[in-house]
Protein backbone atom coordinates (compact mmCIF):
# COMPACT_ATOMS: atom_id res chain seq x y z
CA MET A 1 42.61 10.62 -141.49
CA ALA A 2 44.74 9.95 -144.09
CA ALA A 3 45.89 7.04 -145.24
CA GLU A 4 49.27 6.63 -144.51
CA GLN A 5 51.73 7.86 -146.96
CA THR A 6 53.22 3.89 -146.94
CA ILE A 7 50.46 3.04 -149.58
CA SER A 8 52.40 3.06 -152.33
CA ARG A 9 51.51 5.04 -155.63
CA HIS A 10 53.93 2.70 -157.79
CA ARG A 11 52.25 -0.63 -159.40
CA GLU A 12 55.07 -2.21 -159.72
CA ASP A 13 54.92 -2.44 -156.04
CA TYR A 14 51.33 -4.22 -156.31
CA HIS A 15 51.24 -8.62 -156.81
CA PHE A 16 47.96 -8.53 -157.73
CA TRP A 17 45.88 -6.64 -160.76
CA GLU A 18 42.08 -6.66 -160.86
CA PRO A 19 40.54 -4.91 -164.54
CA VAL A 20 37.54 -3.37 -163.45
CA PRO A 21 35.06 -1.33 -165.81
CA LEU A 22 33.90 1.69 -165.02
CA ARG A 23 29.69 2.02 -165.50
CA TYR A 24 28.29 5.15 -166.49
CA SER A 25 25.61 5.11 -163.52
CA ASP A 26 29.44 5.17 -161.97
CA GLN A 27 29.43 8.95 -162.51
CA ASP A 28 28.23 11.93 -160.37
CA ALA A 29 26.99 15.18 -161.32
CA MET A 30 30.84 16.63 -161.88
CA GLN A 31 31.32 13.48 -164.61
CA HIS A 32 33.73 11.93 -162.27
CA ILE A 33 33.46 8.89 -160.21
CA ASN A 34 31.58 8.91 -157.14
CA ASN A 35 33.18 8.27 -154.36
CA VAL A 36 31.34 5.35 -152.86
CA ALA A 37 31.18 3.65 -156.54
CA VAL A 38 35.38 4.55 -155.87
CA CYS A 39 34.36 1.79 -152.71
CA ALA A 40 32.89 -0.69 -154.52
CA LEU A 41 35.46 -0.58 -157.30
CA LEU A 42 38.32 -1.11 -153.98
CA GLU A 43 35.14 -3.83 -152.96
CA ALA A 44 35.84 -5.75 -156.08
CA GLY A 45 39.08 -5.52 -156.44
CA ARG A 46 39.62 -6.96 -153.13
CA VAL A 47 37.53 -9.70 -153.09
CA SER A 48 39.34 -10.93 -156.19
CA PHE A 49 42.62 -10.31 -154.87
CA LEU A 50 41.71 -12.43 -151.61
CA GLU A 51 39.64 -15.00 -153.56
CA SER A 52 43.40 -15.46 -155.44
CA LEU A 53 44.74 -15.18 -152.29
CA PHE A 54 42.31 -18.61 -150.64
CA GLU A 55 42.68 -20.15 -153.42
CA GLY A 56 43.51 -24.25 -152.91
CA THR A 57 42.48 -23.78 -149.41
CA GLU A 58 39.41 -25.40 -147.29
CA ARG A 59 36.69 -22.13 -147.14
CA SER A 60 35.03 -23.86 -145.02
CA ALA A 61 37.53 -23.71 -141.99
CA PHE A 62 38.05 -19.98 -141.45
CA ALA A 63 35.83 -16.38 -142.06
CA MET A 64 36.88 -13.36 -142.31
CA VAL A 65 34.90 -9.61 -141.95
CA LEU A 66 36.20 -6.18 -143.21
CA ALA A 67 37.32 -4.55 -140.11
CA ARG A 68 38.49 -1.13 -141.20
CA VAL A 69 39.36 0.37 -143.79
CA THR A 70 40.57 3.94 -145.01
CA ILE A 71 40.86 5.39 -148.53
CA ASP A 72 42.94 8.44 -150.17
CA TYR A 73 41.45 9.92 -153.45
CA LEU A 74 44.80 11.51 -154.81
CA ASN A 75 43.34 11.87 -158.68
CA GLU A 76 39.88 11.48 -160.10
CA LEU A 77 38.66 8.39 -162.35
CA THR A 78 36.82 9.58 -165.14
CA PHE A 79 34.04 7.72 -167.62
CA PRO A 80 34.47 5.88 -169.71
CA GLY A 81 37.13 3.32 -169.17
CA THR A 82 38.45 0.24 -167.59
CA VAL A 83 40.61 1.24 -164.25
CA ASP A 84 43.34 -1.76 -162.76
CA VAL A 85 42.94 -2.46 -158.69
CA CYS A 86 46.14 -3.33 -157.46
CA GLY A 87 46.41 -5.54 -154.05
CA ARG A 88 49.06 -6.70 -151.84
CA ILE A 89 49.72 -8.27 -148.69
CA VAL A 90 51.58 -6.16 -146.31
CA LYS A 91 50.74 -7.69 -142.80
CA ILE A 92 50.11 -10.52 -141.55
CA GLY A 93 48.46 -10.79 -137.65
CA GLY A 94 47.77 -13.27 -135.24
CA ARG A 95 43.80 -12.48 -135.82
CA SER A 96 43.90 -10.29 -139.27
CA LEU A 97 44.73 -9.67 -142.27
CA THR A 98 46.33 -6.08 -143.79
CA SER A 99 46.35 -5.47 -147.13
CA GLN A 100 47.11 -2.47 -149.26
CA TYR A 101 45.31 -1.37 -152.41
CA ALA A 102 45.43 1.50 -155.36
CA ILE A 103 43.45 2.31 -158.34
CA PHE A 104 44.83 3.32 -161.22
CA GLN A 105 43.51 4.70 -164.83
CA ARG A 106 45.35 5.49 -167.53
CA GLY A 107 48.85 4.74 -165.77
CA GLU A 108 47.97 7.31 -163.08
CA CYS A 109 47.56 6.07 -159.09
CA CYS A 110 44.20 7.95 -158.20
CA VAL A 111 42.83 6.37 -155.10
CA VAL A 112 44.96 4.21 -152.32
CA SER A 113 42.86 2.28 -149.65
CA GLN A 114 44.58 -0.18 -146.95
CA SER A 115 41.72 -2.49 -145.50
CA VAL A 116 42.12 -4.85 -142.57
CA ASN A 117 40.40 -8.32 -143.07
CA VAL A 118 39.68 -10.13 -139.09
CA PHE A 119 39.74 -13.61 -139.32
CA PHE A 120 36.25 -14.67 -137.51
CA ASP A 121 34.46 -17.63 -135.80
CA SER A 122 31.03 -18.14 -137.31
CA LYS A 123 29.42 -19.77 -134.05
CA THR A 124 30.81 -17.72 -131.19
CA ARG A 125 30.98 -14.47 -133.49
CA ARG A 126 34.42 -13.40 -131.93
CA SER A 127 37.44 -12.98 -133.48
CA ALA A 128 39.87 -15.95 -134.42
CA GLN A 129 43.20 -17.30 -135.38
CA PRO A 130 43.07 -18.74 -138.59
CA PRO A 131 44.68 -22.71 -138.67
CA GLN A 132 48.06 -22.51 -138.89
CA ALA A 133 48.17 -24.02 -142.29
CA LEU A 134 46.08 -20.67 -143.69
CA LEU A 135 48.84 -18.89 -142.21
CA ASP A 136 51.45 -20.57 -143.81
CA HIS A 137 49.63 -20.36 -147.35
CA ILE A 138 49.34 -17.11 -147.24
CA ARG A 139 53.36 -16.21 -146.33
CA GLN A 140 53.84 -18.97 -149.44
CA PHE A 141 51.45 -16.56 -151.59
CA GLN A 142 53.22 -13.54 -150.10
CA SER A 143 57.18 -14.60 -150.89
CA ILE A 144 55.97 -16.41 -154.66
CA ARG A 145 54.55 -12.96 -155.46
CA ALA A 146 56.85 -10.84 -154.01
CA ALA A 147 59.62 -12.94 -156.02
């Protein structure tokens, strides 16, 4: 099933950009960036985005696990160069955080993705509600970035 059409293909709708260099080894036999490499590019952007999001918070107070990822490949990515992985928060749930990403190369949206990360209790190995202070921090981050 394709990612929802609500995943923006417009760079200005994103509040975070992470430049990620392409590697020669990311290419496949057709000389475009392989789908597995695209997953790694999205991961690099997602991790950087979440690090930015949680900057200034007590990281030992919560953990997160990746529960779902959808990816739509819109246009091919080609080596050499750098891509911009852009991210934004679209939903804050009681136990989860939904974010969307887009990969741009030379100004063109080539990939869109949506991820659901679940807050996780490392002791019980179950989903958990994050501290209210963390939810407030996320909402503040989101409002500052959207302004």
